[in-house]
Every structure is written in structure tokens, then in C-alpha cells.
Amino acid sequence: MDNRVKLKVMGITYSQIQNGAYALVLAEENGDRRIPIIIGTAEAQSIAIRLEHLTPPRPMTHDLFASFAQGFGIRLREVFVYHYEDGVFSSELLFDDGTRQIRIDSRTSDAIAIALRTQSPIYTTEKIIAEAGIIFQEEPKSENEKAEKTTKHKRLEDFSIKELKTHLEKAIRTEEYEKAARIQQELKKREQRP
């Protein structure tokens, strides 16, 4: 059996390859290789909500699934990304009810969304990360990029906390989760200030 590699979720970016899709970026826990996985908008929103610790007004499908499993005493032990072919990743979920274990096939995006909600580990094989992984080297930002980021940040700073909370509620209600995540980050920064 191929050596297993533990992964962590780095985040989500808009896909440069496929229009209207997103790239879920997984990273090996003790290394610099990254695996980009193309996922749909709904799954990207579900993952982004969890990464940003946002609470939607109604439970999403992955929240419902996690609550259902917990309600019946079923625990997700792990997600295993076990196969990669032609740009498609295959995953399975390993569940345990205390008496028996069962593996269920899953789309990788759904498996990751559920793993985030249950704080379950994610693994793949050395073979898959060697084949699909890329080594990420962060490039130093240019002065223009730094100025652009500062300008965007200043716009959020123009709002009061009350206004930010109103905008956050609206963004969640209208399912603009990326916007909600940026507002949430600004609110967290302000809460941490002395």
C-alpha cells in the first residue's frame, strides 16, 4: 500500500482554468506541495463558509449531513483521496458507529466539506501528491499589489462595526459568501484591537 500523506485545506481560489468554477487547494501537512482540485460554486461556498466560521441562516446540505451522522452516533474517522485520473480525484469517507466501520465513495469536494464540519483528518497517497501536486513558492508582492490590497482594506475600514454587521448579514442572506468572509475578517481584526 502506498504511503499516506496527511493534507490540510489551504483555501479556495477562483479557477483560472475552468470558467465558473473554483479551485480547492489542499496542502501536505509537512511539506510545500499543493493539490488544486476544481470544484463547483455550491461546494466552494459550503467550504468557504466553514473556513470563515460563518453561520448561514439555514443549514446547508453538508451541515445537515454532519448533524444527521452526529445525531445517530456515527463518526467520520477520515477522508481518503484514493485515486486520481485525468484531472479527477476520487475520495471515500470512513465512518465508525462504535461497532463497525464502513467506507462510502464521495466526490472530493463533498468529502472535504463534511470533514471540515466534523474536524476529521484528510489523507491521500504519496503517488497522488507526486502526480497531481505542485510545489508552491510564494513570490514577493510588488508595490502595486501591496497598494491595491491596502486600498481594498481601507474601504472596509470606512464602515462602522454596526454597518459591517449589517453588510455581513446581507451578504450571508444573499449568499455572497466571499464578500461575507472579507467582512468577517475585518470584524475579527477590530475585535482583537486593544
N, C-alpha and C. Protein backbone atom coordinates (compact mmCIF):
# COMPACT_ATOMS: atom_id res chain seq x y z
N MET A 1 0.85 -1.19 0.00
CA MET A 1 0.00 0.00 0.00
C MET A 1 0.88 1.24 0.00
N ASP A 2 0.47 2.23 -0.78
CA ASP A 2 1.21 3.48 -0.93
C ASP A 2 1.22 4.25 0.39
N ASN A 3 2.34 4.93 0.66
CA ASN A 3 2.43 5.76 1.87
C ASN A 3 1.34 6.82 1.86
N ARG A 4 0.75 7.04 3.03
CA ARG A 4 -0.30 8.05 3.14
C ARG A 4 0.30 9.39 3.54
N VAL A 5 -0.30 10.44 3.01
CA VAL A 5 0.14 11.81 3.29
C VAL A 5 -1.05 12.56 3.86
N LYS A 6 -0.86 13.18 5.02
CA LYS A 6 -1.93 13.96 5.63
C LYS A 6 -2.01 15.32 4.95
N LEU A 7 -3.24 15.76 4.69
CA LEU A 7 -3.48 17.02 4.00
C LEU A 7 -4.22 17.99 4.90
N LYS A 8 -4.09 19.28 4.57
CA LYS A 8 -4.89 20.31 5.23
C LYS A 8 -5.46 21.20 4.15
N VAL A 9 -6.58 21.84 4.45
CA VAL A 9 -7.23 22.73 3.49
C VAL A 9 -6.57 24.10 3.59
N MET A 10 -6.01 24.56 2.46
CA MET A 10 -5.35 25.86 2.42
C MET A 10 -6.36 26.97 2.12
N GLY A 11 -7.32 26.68 1.27
CA GLY A 11 -8.31 27.68 0.92
C GLY A 11 -8.91 27.41 -0.45
N ILE A 12 -9.63 28.41 -0.94
CA ILE A 12 -10.32 28.30 -2.22
C ILE A 12 -9.98 29.54 -3.04
N THR A 13 -9.73 29.33 -4.32
CA THR A 13 -9.50 30.45 -5.23
C THR A 13 -10.36 30.25 -6.46
N TYR A 14 -10.57 31.33 -7.18
CA TYR A 14 -11.32 31.23 -8.43
C TYR A 14 -10.45 30.50 -9.44
N SER A 15 -11.03 29.55 -10.16
CA SER A 15 -10.26 28.74 -11.09
C SER A 15 -9.84 29.54 -12.32
N GLN A 16 -8.55 29.53 -12.59
CA GLN A 16 -8.02 30.17 -13.79
C GLN A 16 -8.23 29.27 -15.01
N ILE A 17 -8.48 28.00 -14.76
CA ILE A 17 -8.57 27.01 -15.83
C ILE A 17 -10.00 26.86 -16.35
N GLN A 18 -10.95 26.79 -15.44
CA GLN A 18 -12.33 26.49 -15.82
C GLN A 18 -13.25 27.63 -15.39
N ASN A 19 -13.94 28.23 -16.34
CA ASN A 19 -14.83 29.34 -16.06
C ASN A 19 -15.98 28.93 -15.15
N GLY A 20 -16.30 29.75 -14.16
CA GLY A 20 -17.42 29.46 -13.27
C GLY A 20 -17.13 28.41 -12.22
N ALA A 21 -15.87 28.02 -12.09
CA ALA A 21 -15.50 27.01 -11.11
C ALA A 21 -14.45 27.57 -10.16
N TYR A 22 -14.19 26.82 -9.12
CA TYR A 22 -13.22 27.24 -8.11
C TYR A 22 -12.19 26.14 -7.94
N ALA A 23 -11.05 26.52 -7.39
CA ALA A 23 -10.01 25.54 -7.09
C ALA A 23 -9.89 25.44 -5.57
N LEU A 24 -10.12 24.25 -5.07
CA LEU A 24 -9.89 23.94 -3.66
C LEU A 24 -8.42 23.55 -3.55
N VAL A 25 -7.70 24.21 -2.67
CA VAL A 25 -6.27 23.94 -2.55
C VAL A 25 -6.00 23.17 -1.26
N LEU A 26 -5.49 21.96 -1.44
CA LEU A 26 -5.09 21.12 -0.31
C LEU A 26 -3.57 21.11 -0.26
N ALA A 27 -3.01 21.08 0.93
CA ALA A 27 -1.55 21.08 1.09
C ALA A 27 -1.14 19.92 1.97
N GLU A 28 0.02 19.34 1.65
CA GLU A 28 0.53 18.30 2.54
C GLU A 28 0.89 18.97 3.86
N GLU A 29 0.59 18.28 4.94
CA GLU A 29 0.75 18.87 6.26
C GLU A 29 2.20 19.24 6.59
N ASN A 30 3.13 18.42 6.19
CA ASN A 30 4.54 18.69 6.49
C ASN A 30 5.36 18.82 5.22
N GLY A 31 4.97 19.75 4.36
CA GLY A 31 5.70 19.96 3.11
C GLY A 31 5.15 21.13 2.33
N ASP A 32 5.72 21.37 1.14
CA ASP A 32 5.27 22.52 0.36
C ASP A 32 4.51 22.14 -0.90
N ARG A 33 4.10 20.90 -1.04
CA ARG A 33 3.30 20.52 -2.22
C ARG A 33 1.83 20.83 -1.98
N ARG A 34 1.18 21.29 -3.05
CA ARG A 34 -0.24 21.64 -3.01
C ARG A 34 -0.97 20.86 -4.09
N ILE A 35 -2.22 20.52 -3.81
CA ILE A 35 -3.07 19.86 -4.79
C ILE A 35 -4.26 20.77 -5.07
N PRO A 36 -4.36 21.33 -6.28
CA PRO A 36 -5.56 22.10 -6.62
C PRO A 36 -6.63 21.17 -7.18
N ILE A 37 -7.84 21.28 -6.67
CA ILE A 37 -8.94 20.43 -7.12
C ILE A 37 -10.06 21.35 -7.60
N ILE A 38 -10.48 21.19 -8.84
CA ILE A 38 -11.55 22.02 -9.40
C ILE A 38 -12.88 21.56 -8.82
N ILE A 39 -13.64 22.52 -8.26
CA ILE A 39 -14.93 22.20 -7.65
C ILE A 39 -15.97 23.22 -8.12
N GLY A 40 -17.23 22.89 -7.92
CA GLY A 40 -18.32 23.77 -8.32
C GLY A 40 -18.57 24.90 -7.33
N THR A 41 -19.41 25.82 -7.74
CA THR A 41 -19.72 27.00 -6.93
C THR A 41 -20.37 26.65 -5.61
N ALA A 42 -21.35 25.74 -5.62
CA ALA A 42 -22.07 25.40 -4.39
C ALA A 42 -21.12 24.78 -3.35
N GLU A 43 -20.26 23.88 -3.81
CA GLU A 43 -19.32 23.24 -2.90
C GLU A 43 -18.29 24.25 -2.39
N ALA A 44 -17.86 25.16 -3.28
CA ALA A 44 -16.90 26.20 -2.88
C ALA A 44 -17.52 27.10 -1.80
N GLN A 45 -18.79 27.45 -1.96
CA GLN A 45 -19.47 28.27 -0.95
C GLN A 45 -19.56 27.54 0.37
N SER A 46 -19.90 26.26 0.32
CA SER A 46 -20.04 25.47 1.53
C SER A 46 -18.71 25.38 2.28
N ILE A 47 -17.63 25.16 1.53
CA ILE A 47 -16.30 25.07 2.16
C ILE A 47 -15.87 26.42 2.69
N ALA A 48 -16.10 27.49 1.91
CA ALA A 48 -15.71 28.84 2.33
C ALA A 48 -16.44 29.26 3.60
N ILE A 49 -17.71 28.91 3.70
CA ILE A 49 -18.49 29.24 4.90
C ILE A 49 -17.85 28.62 6.13
N ARG A 50 -17.44 27.37 6.00
CA ARG A 50 -16.85 26.68 7.15
C ARG A 50 -15.46 27.23 7.48
N LEU A 51 -14.67 27.51 6.45
CA LEU A 51 -13.33 28.05 6.67
C LEU A 51 -13.38 29.40 7.38
N GLU A 52 -14.42 30.18 7.09
CA GLU A 52 -14.55 31.51 7.68
C GLU A 52 -15.43 31.51 8.94
N HIS A 53 -15.87 30.34 9.36
CA HIS A 53 -16.69 30.20 10.57
C HIS A 53 -17.97 31.04 10.50
N LEU A 54 -18.59 31.05 9.33
CA LEU A 54 -19.85 31.78 9.15
C LEU A 54 -21.01 30.82 9.40
N THR A 55 -22.13 31.38 9.83
CA THR A 55 -23.32 30.56 10.06
C THR A 55 -24.42 31.03 9.12
N PRO A 56 -24.77 30.22 8.12
CA PRO A 56 -25.84 30.62 7.21
C PRO A 56 -27.18 30.61 7.93
N PRO A 57 -28.16 31.35 7.40
CA PRO A 57 -29.47 31.40 8.08
C PRO A 57 -30.15 30.03 8.19
N ARG A 58 -29.92 29.15 7.23
CA ARG A 58 -30.47 27.80 7.25
C ARG A 58 -29.31 26.82 7.03
N PRO A 59 -29.36 25.62 7.61
CA PRO A 59 -28.27 24.66 7.42
C PRO A 59 -28.11 24.28 5.94
N MET A 60 -26.88 24.19 5.52
CA MET A 60 -26.59 23.74 4.16
C MET A 60 -26.56 22.21 4.16
N THR A 61 -26.51 21.62 2.99
CA THR A 61 -26.56 20.16 2.87
C THR A 61 -25.46 19.47 3.68
N HIS A 62 -24.24 20.01 3.63
CA HIS A 62 -23.14 19.39 4.37
C HIS A 62 -23.33 19.53 5.88
N ASP A 63 -23.93 20.63 6.32
CA ASP A 63 -24.24 20.80 7.75
C ASP A 63 -25.28 19.75 8.17
N LEU A 64 -26.29 19.58 7.33
CA LEU A 64 -27.35 18.61 7.60
C LEU A 64 -26.77 17.20 7.70
N PHE A 65 -25.90 16.86 6.77
CA PHE A 65 -25.28 15.54 6.77
C PHE A 65 -24.49 15.30 8.05
N ALA A 66 -23.67 16.29 8.44
CA ALA A 66 -22.85 16.16 9.64
C ALA A 66 -23.73 16.05 10.90
N SER A 67 -24.80 16.84 10.95
CA SER A 67 -25.73 16.78 12.09
C SER A 67 -26.43 15.44 12.17
N PHE A 68 -26.84 14.92 11.02
CA PHE A 68 -27.50 13.62 10.95
C PHE A 68 -26.59 12.52 11.49
N ALA A 69 -25.34 12.51 11.01
CA ALA A 69 -24.39 11.48 11.46
C ALA A 69 -24.16 11.59 12.96
N GLN A 70 -23.95 12.80 13.44
CA GLN A 70 -23.72 13.00 14.87
C GLN A 70 -24.93 12.57 15.68
N GLY A 71 -26.13 12.89 15.21
CA GLY A 71 -27.36 12.54 15.90
C GLY A 71 -27.53 11.04 16.09
N PHE A 72 -26.99 10.26 15.16
CA PHE A 72 -27.09 8.81 15.24
C PHE A 72 -25.81 8.15 15.74
N GLY A 73 -24.90 8.97 16.28
CA GLY A 73 -23.68 8.42 16.88
C GLY A 73 -22.68 7.87 15.88
N ILE A 74 -22.73 8.41 14.68
CA ILE A 74 -21.80 7.97 13.64
C ILE A 74 -20.71 9.02 13.50
N ARG A 75 -19.47 8.57 13.50
CA ARG A 75 -18.33 9.50 13.45
C ARG A 75 -17.58 9.32 12.14
N LEU A 76 -17.25 10.46 11.51
CA LEU A 76 -16.39 10.40 10.33
C LEU A 76 -14.96 10.28 10.83
N ARG A 77 -14.32 9.16 10.55
CA ARG A 77 -12.96 8.91 11.03
C ARG A 77 -11.93 9.61 10.15
N GLU A 78 -12.17 9.61 8.82
CA GLU A 78 -11.22 10.23 7.90
C GLU A 78 -11.81 10.35 6.50
N VAL A 79 -11.18 11.23 5.73
CA VAL A 79 -11.43 11.32 4.29
C VAL A 79 -10.15 10.84 3.63
N PHE A 80 -10.30 10.00 2.62
CA PHE A 80 -9.14 9.46 1.91
C PHE A 80 -9.30 9.72 0.42
N VAL A 81 -8.43 10.58 -0.12
CA VAL A 81 -8.40 10.85 -1.57
C VAL A 81 -7.54 9.72 -2.15
N TYR A 82 -8.20 8.72 -2.71
CA TYR A 82 -7.50 7.48 -3.06
C TYR A 82 -7.15 7.29 -4.53
N HIS A 83 -7.72 8.13 -5.41
CA HIS A 83 -7.49 7.91 -6.84
C HIS A 83 -7.45 9.24 -7.57
N TYR A 84 -6.60 9.31 -8.59
CA TYR A 84 -6.50 10.49 -9.45
C TYR A 84 -6.28 10.03 -10.88
N GLU A 85 -7.16 10.49 -11.78
CA GLU A 85 -7.01 10.13 -13.19
C GLU A 85 -7.67 11.19 -14.05
N ASP A 86 -6.93 11.67 -15.06
CA ASP A 86 -7.43 12.68 -16.00
C ASP A 86 -8.01 13.91 -15.29
N GLY A 87 -7.35 14.36 -14.24
CA GLY A 87 -7.78 15.57 -13.55
C GLY A 87 -8.93 15.37 -12.56
N VAL A 88 -9.38 14.13 -12.39
CA VAL A 88 -10.50 13.84 -11.49
C VAL A 88 -9.98 13.07 -10.28
N PHE A 89 -10.34 13.57 -9.10
CA PHE A 89 -9.96 12.93 -7.84
C PHE A 89 -11.14 12.12 -7.31
N SER A 90 -10.87 10.96 -6.77
CA SER A 90 -11.89 10.13 -6.13
C SER A 90 -11.57 10.02 -4.65
N SER A 91 -12.61 10.10 -3.84
CA SER A 91 -12.43 10.05 -2.38
C SER A 91 -13.42 9.10 -1.75
N GLU A 92 -13.08 8.72 -0.52
CA GLU A 92 -14.00 7.91 0.27
C GLU A 92 -14.00 8.42 1.70
N LEU A 93 -15.13 8.22 2.33
CA LEU A 93 -15.32 8.61 3.73
C LEU A 93 -15.31 7.33 4.56
N LEU A 94 -14.59 7.33 5.66
CA LEU A 94 -14.58 6.18 6.57
C LEU A 94 -15.38 6.55 7.80
N PHE A 95 -16.52 5.88 7.98
CA PHE A 95 -17.40 6.14 9.12
C PHE A 95 -17.28 5.02 10.15
N ASP A 96 -17.59 5.37 11.41
CA ASP A 96 -17.49 4.43 12.51
C ASP A 96 -18.65 4.72 13.46
N ASP A 97 -19.41 3.68 13.81
CA ASP A 97 -20.51 3.87 14.77
C ASP A 97 -20.19 3.25 16.13
N GLY A 98 -18.94 2.87 16.33
CA GLY A 98 -18.54 2.25 17.59
C GLY A 98 -18.58 0.74 17.51
N THR A 99 -19.30 0.20 16.55
CA THR A 99 -19.41 -1.24 16.37
C THR A 99 -18.76 -1.71 15.08
N ARG A 100 -18.98 -0.93 14.04
CA ARG A 100 -18.42 -1.31 12.74
C ARG A 100 -17.97 -0.06 11.98
N GLN A 101 -17.15 -0.30 10.98
CA GLN A 101 -16.68 0.78 10.11
C GLN A 101 -17.18 0.52 8.70
N ILE A 102 -17.46 1.61 8.00
CA ILE A 102 -17.94 1.49 6.63
C ILE A 102 -17.32 2.60 5.80
N ARG A 103 -16.92 2.27 4.57
CA ARG A 103 -16.36 3.24 3.63
C ARG A 103 -17.42 3.58 2.58
N ILE A 104 -17.54 4.88 2.32
CA ILE A 104 -18.52 5.34 1.34
C ILE A 104 -17.82 6.23 0.32
N ASP A 105 -18.05 5.95 -0.96
CA ASP A 105 -17.46 6.73 -2.04
C ASP A 105 -18.09 8.13 -2.06
N SER A 106 -17.29 9.13 -2.43
CA SER A 106 -17.77 10.50 -2.38
C SER A 106 -17.02 11.36 -3.39
N ARG A 107 -17.69 12.43 -3.83
CA ARG A 107 -16.95 13.45 -4.57
C ARG A 107 -16.00 14.09 -3.56
N THR A 108 -14.84 14.45 -4.00
CA THR A 108 -13.83 15.00 -3.10
C THR A 108 -14.31 16.31 -2.47
N SER A 109 -14.98 17.15 -3.23
CA SER A 109 -15.46 18.42 -2.68
C SER A 109 -16.45 18.20 -1.54
N ASP A 110 -17.35 17.24 -1.69
CA ASP A 110 -18.31 16.94 -0.62
C ASP A 110 -17.60 16.35 0.59
N ALA A 111 -16.65 15.46 0.33
CA ALA A 111 -15.91 14.83 1.43
C ALA A 111 -15.17 15.88 2.25
N ILE A 112 -14.54 16.85 1.58
CA ILE A 112 -13.79 17.90 2.29
C ILE A 112 -14.75 18.79 3.07
N ALA A 113 -15.89 19.14 2.47
CA ALA A 113 -16.87 19.99 3.15
C ALA A 113 -17.36 19.33 4.44
N ILE A 114 -17.57 18.03 4.40
CA ILE A 114 -18.02 17.30 5.60
C ILE A 114 -16.88 17.16 6.60
N ALA A 115 -15.66 16.88 6.11
CA ALA A 115 -14.51 16.75 7.01
C ALA A 115 -14.27 18.04 7.79
N LEU A 116 -14.44 19.18 7.14
CA LEU A 116 -14.26 20.46 7.82
C LEU A 116 -15.28 20.63 8.95
N ARG A 117 -16.49 20.16 8.73
CA ARG A 117 -17.54 20.31 9.72
C ARG A 117 -17.38 19.34 10.90
N THR A 118 -16.71 18.24 10.65
CA THR A 118 -16.54 17.23 11.71
C THR A 118 -15.10 17.20 12.24
N GLN A 119 -14.28 18.09 11.74
CA GLN A 119 -12.87 18.18 12.14
C GLN A 119 -12.16 16.84 11.98
N SER A 120 -12.42 16.21 10.83
CA SER A 120 -11.84 14.90 10.54
C SER A 120 -10.59 15.06 9.67
N PRO A 121 -9.62 14.16 9.83
CA PRO A 121 -8.40 14.25 9.03
C PRO A 121 -8.63 13.89 7.57
N ILE A 122 -7.76 14.43 6.71
CA ILE A 122 -7.83 14.19 5.27
C ILE A 122 -6.48 13.62 4.85
N TYR A 123 -6.52 12.54 4.07
CA TYR A 123 -5.30 11.88 3.61
C TYR A 123 -5.35 11.64 2.11
N THR A 124 -4.18 11.47 1.52
CA THR A 124 -4.06 10.99 0.15
C THR A 124 -2.84 10.08 0.11
N THR A 125 -2.47 9.64 -1.08
CA THR A 125 -1.29 8.79 -1.21
C THR A 125 -0.11 9.62 -1.70
N GLU A 126 1.07 9.11 -1.45
CA GLU A 126 2.30 9.76 -1.95
C GLU A 126 2.26 9.80 -3.47
N LYS A 127 1.74 8.74 -4.08
CA LYS A 127 1.66 8.67 -5.54
C LYS A 127 0.80 9.81 -6.10
N ILE A 128 -0.35 10.05 -5.48
CA ILE A 128 -1.25 11.10 -5.97
C ILE A 128 -0.64 12.48 -5.79
N ILE A 129 -0.05 12.73 -4.64
CA ILE A 129 0.52 14.06 -4.42
C ILE A 129 1.74 14.28 -5.32
N ALA A 130 2.46 13.20 -5.64
CA ALA A 130 3.60 13.33 -6.56
C ALA A 130 3.11 13.62 -7.98
N GLU A 131 1.99 13.01 -8.35
CA GLU A 131 1.46 13.17 -9.70
C GLU A 131 0.69 14.47 -9.89
N ALA A 132 -0.16 14.83 -8.93
CA ALA A 132 -1.05 15.99 -9.09
C ALA A 132 -0.58 17.22 -8.33
N GLY A 133 0.37 17.04 -7.43
CA GLY A 133 0.81 18.15 -6.59
C GLY A 133 1.73 19.11 -7.31
N ILE A 134 1.70 20.33 -6.85
CA ILE A 134 2.62 21.35 -7.34
C ILE A 134 3.34 21.93 -6.14
N ILE A 135 4.57 22.35 -6.35
CA ILE A 135 5.31 22.97 -5.26
C ILE A 135 5.02 24.45 -5.28
N PHE A 136 4.56 24.95 -4.17
CA PHE A 136 4.15 26.35 -4.07
C PHE A 136 5.28 27.18 -3.50
N GLN A 137 5.65 28.19 -4.23
CA GLN A 137 6.65 29.13 -3.74
C GLN A 137 6.04 30.52 -3.81
N GLU A 138 5.86 31.12 -2.67
CA GLU A 138 5.24 32.43 -2.61
C GLU A 138 6.21 33.47 -3.15
N GLU A 139 5.71 34.24 -4.13
CA GLU A 139 6.52 35.30 -4.71
C GLU A 139 6.32 36.57 -3.92
N PRO A 140 7.38 37.38 -3.79
CA PRO A 140 7.21 38.65 -3.09
C PRO A 140 6.25 39.54 -3.87
N LYS A 141 5.38 40.21 -3.14
CA LYS A 141 4.39 41.07 -3.77
C LYS A 141 5.04 42.35 -4.26
N SER A 142 4.56 42.82 -5.42
CA SER A 142 5.06 44.08 -5.95
C SER A 142 4.43 45.23 -5.16
N GLU A 143 4.99 46.40 -5.31
CA GLU A 143 4.46 47.58 -4.61
C GLU A 143 3.03 47.87 -5.04
N ASN A 144 2.70 47.65 -6.33
CA ASN A 144 1.34 47.90 -6.82
C ASN A 144 0.33 46.97 -6.16
N GLU A 145 0.71 45.68 -6.01
CA GLU A 145 -0.19 44.73 -5.37
C GLU A 145 -0.42 45.09 -3.91
N LYS A 146 0.64 45.52 -3.23
CA LYS A 146 0.51 45.93 -1.83
C LYS A 146 -0.40 47.14 -1.71
N ALA A 147 -0.23 48.09 -2.60
CA ALA A 147 -1.07 49.30 -2.57
C ALA A 147 -2.52 48.97 -2.87
N GLU A 148 -2.73 48.06 -3.83
CA GLU A 148 -4.09 47.64 -4.18
C GLU A 148 -4.78 46.99 -3.00
N LYS A 149 -4.08 46.10 -2.30
CA LYS A 149 -4.63 45.41 -1.13
C LYS A 149 -4.95 46.42 -0.02
N THR A 150 -4.07 47.38 0.18
CA THR A 150 -4.29 48.40 1.19
C THR A 150 -5.53 49.22 0.85
N THR A 151 -5.68 49.57 -0.43
CA THR A 151 -6.84 50.36 -0.84
C THR A 151 -8.13 49.59 -0.57
N LYS A 152 -8.17 48.30 -0.92
CA LYS A 152 -9.36 47.49 -0.65
C LYS A 152 -9.64 47.43 0.85
N HIS A 153 -8.60 47.26 1.64
CA HIS A 153 -8.76 47.17 3.09
C HIS A 153 -9.31 48.46 3.67
N LYS A 154 -8.88 49.61 3.13
CA LYS A 154 -9.34 50.91 3.64
C LYS A 154 -10.83 51.08 3.43
N ARG A 155 -11.36 50.52 2.35
CA ARG A 155 -12.81 50.65 2.11
C ARG A 155 -13.62 50.00 3.23
N LEU A 156 -13.20 48.83 3.68
CA LEU A 156 -13.91 48.19 4.78
C LEU A 156 -13.74 48.98 6.07
N GLU A 157 -12.58 49.58 6.24
CA GLU A 157 -12.33 50.36 7.45
C GLU A 157 -13.20 51.61 7.53
N ASP A 158 -13.74 52.03 6.40
CA ASP A 158 -14.59 53.23 6.39
C ASP A 158 -15.93 52.98 7.08
N PHE A 159 -16.32 51.70 7.20
CA PHE A 159 -17.60 51.36 7.81
C PHE A 159 -17.47 51.22 9.32
N SER A 160 -18.53 51.56 10.02
CA SER A 160 -18.55 51.33 11.46
C SER A 160 -18.80 49.84 11.70
N ILE A 161 -18.60 49.40 12.93
CA ILE A 161 -18.85 47.99 13.26
C ILE A 161 -20.31 47.64 13.01
N LYS A 162 -21.20 48.54 13.37
CA LYS A 162 -22.64 48.29 13.15
C LYS A 162 -22.93 48.14 11.65
N GLU A 163 -22.33 49.01 10.83
CA GLU A 163 -22.54 48.93 9.39
C GLU A 163 -21.95 47.63 8.83
N LEU A 164 -20.78 47.25 9.33
CA LEU A 164 -20.17 46.00 8.86
C LEU A 164 -21.06 44.80 9.19
N LYS A 165 -21.63 44.79 10.39
CA LYS A 165 -22.51 43.68 10.78
C LYS A 165 -23.75 43.62 9.89
N THR A 166 -24.29 44.79 9.54
CA THR A 166 -25.44 44.86 8.63
C THR A 166 -25.07 44.31 7.26
N HIS A 167 -23.90 44.73 6.76
CA HIS A 167 -23.43 44.24 5.45
C HIS A 167 -23.15 42.73 5.50
N LEU A 168 -22.64 42.25 6.62
CA LEU A 168 -22.37 40.82 6.78
C LEU A 168 -23.67 40.02 6.71
N GLU A 169 -24.68 40.46 7.43
CA GLU A 169 -25.97 39.77 7.41
C GLU A 169 -26.55 39.74 6.00
N LYS A 170 -26.44 40.87 5.30
CA LYS A 170 -26.96 40.94 3.93
C LYS A 170 -26.19 39.99 3.02
N ALA A 171 -24.87 39.97 3.15
CA ALA A 171 -24.05 39.10 2.30
C ALA A 171 -24.39 37.63 2.53
N ILE A 172 -24.62 37.24 3.78
CA ILE A 172 -25.00 35.86 4.07
C ILE A 172 -26.38 35.55 3.52
N ARG A 173 -27.31 36.49 3.72
CA ARG A 173 -28.68 36.30 3.24
C ARG A 173 -28.72 36.14 1.72
N THR A 174 -27.89 36.90 1.01
CA THR A 174 -27.87 36.84 -0.46
C THR A 174 -26.84 35.83 -0.99
N GLU A 175 -26.25 35.07 -0.06
CA GLU A 175 -25.30 34.01 -0.39
C GLU A 175 -24.06 34.51 -1.10
N GLU A 176 -23.59 35.71 -0.72
CA GLU A 176 -22.33 36.25 -1.23
C GLU A 176 -21.27 35.94 -0.17
N TYR A 177 -20.86 34.67 -0.13
CA TYR A 177 -20.04 34.19 0.96
C TYR A 177 -18.60 34.72 0.94
N GLU A 178 -18.08 34.98 -0.24
CA GLU A 178 -16.72 35.53 -0.29
C GLU A 178 -16.70 36.94 0.28
N LYS A 179 -17.71 37.72 -0.05
CA LYS A 179 -17.83 39.08 0.50
C LYS A 179 -18.02 38.99 2.01
N ALA A 180 -18.86 38.06 2.44
CA ALA A 180 -19.10 37.88 3.87
C ALA A 180 -17.81 37.51 4.60
N ALA A 181 -16.99 36.69 3.97
CA ALA A 181 -15.73 36.28 4.58
C ALA A 181 -14.80 37.48 4.78
N ARG A 182 -14.74 38.37 3.79
CA ARG A 182 -13.88 39.57 3.92
C ARG A 182 -14.39 40.48 5.05
N ILE A 183 -15.71 40.63 5.14
CA ILE A 183 -16.29 41.46 6.20
C ILE A 183 -16.02 40.83 7.56
N GLN A 184 -16.18 39.51 7.64
CA GLN A 184 -15.93 38.78 8.89
C GLN A 184 -14.49 38.97 9.35
N GLN A 185 -13.56 38.93 8.41
CA GLN A 185 -12.15 39.13 8.75
C GLN A 185 -11.92 40.53 9.31
N GLU A 186 -12.55 41.52 8.71
CA GLU A 186 -12.40 42.90 9.20
C GLU A 186 -12.98 43.03 10.61
N LEU A 187 -14.12 42.40 10.85
CA LEU A 187 -14.72 42.45 12.19
C LEU A 187 -13.80 41.77 13.22
N LYS A 188 -13.20 40.65 12.85
CA LYS A 188 -12.29 39.95 13.76
C LYS A 188 -11.09 40.81 14.10
N LYS A 189 -10.55 41.49 13.08
CA LYS A 189 -9.40 42.37 13.31
C LYS A 189 -9.75 43.45 14.31
N ARG A 190 -10.93 44.01 14.19
CA ARG A 190 -11.34 45.09 15.08
C ARG A 190 -11.57 44.58 16.50
N GLU A 191 -12.11 43.36 16.62
CA GLU A 191 -12.34 42.79 17.95
C GLU A 191 -11.02 42.52 18.67
N GLN A 192 -9.96 42.25 17.93
CA GLN A 192 -8.66 41.94 18.53
C GLN A 192 -7.88 43.19 18.90
N ARG A 193 -8.32 44.34 18.44
CA ARG A 193 -7.62 45.58 18.78
C ARG A 193 -7.84 45.93 20.24
N PRO A 194 -6.81 46.51 20.89
CA PRO A 194 -6.97 46.86 22.31
C PRO A 194 -7.92 48.01 22.51
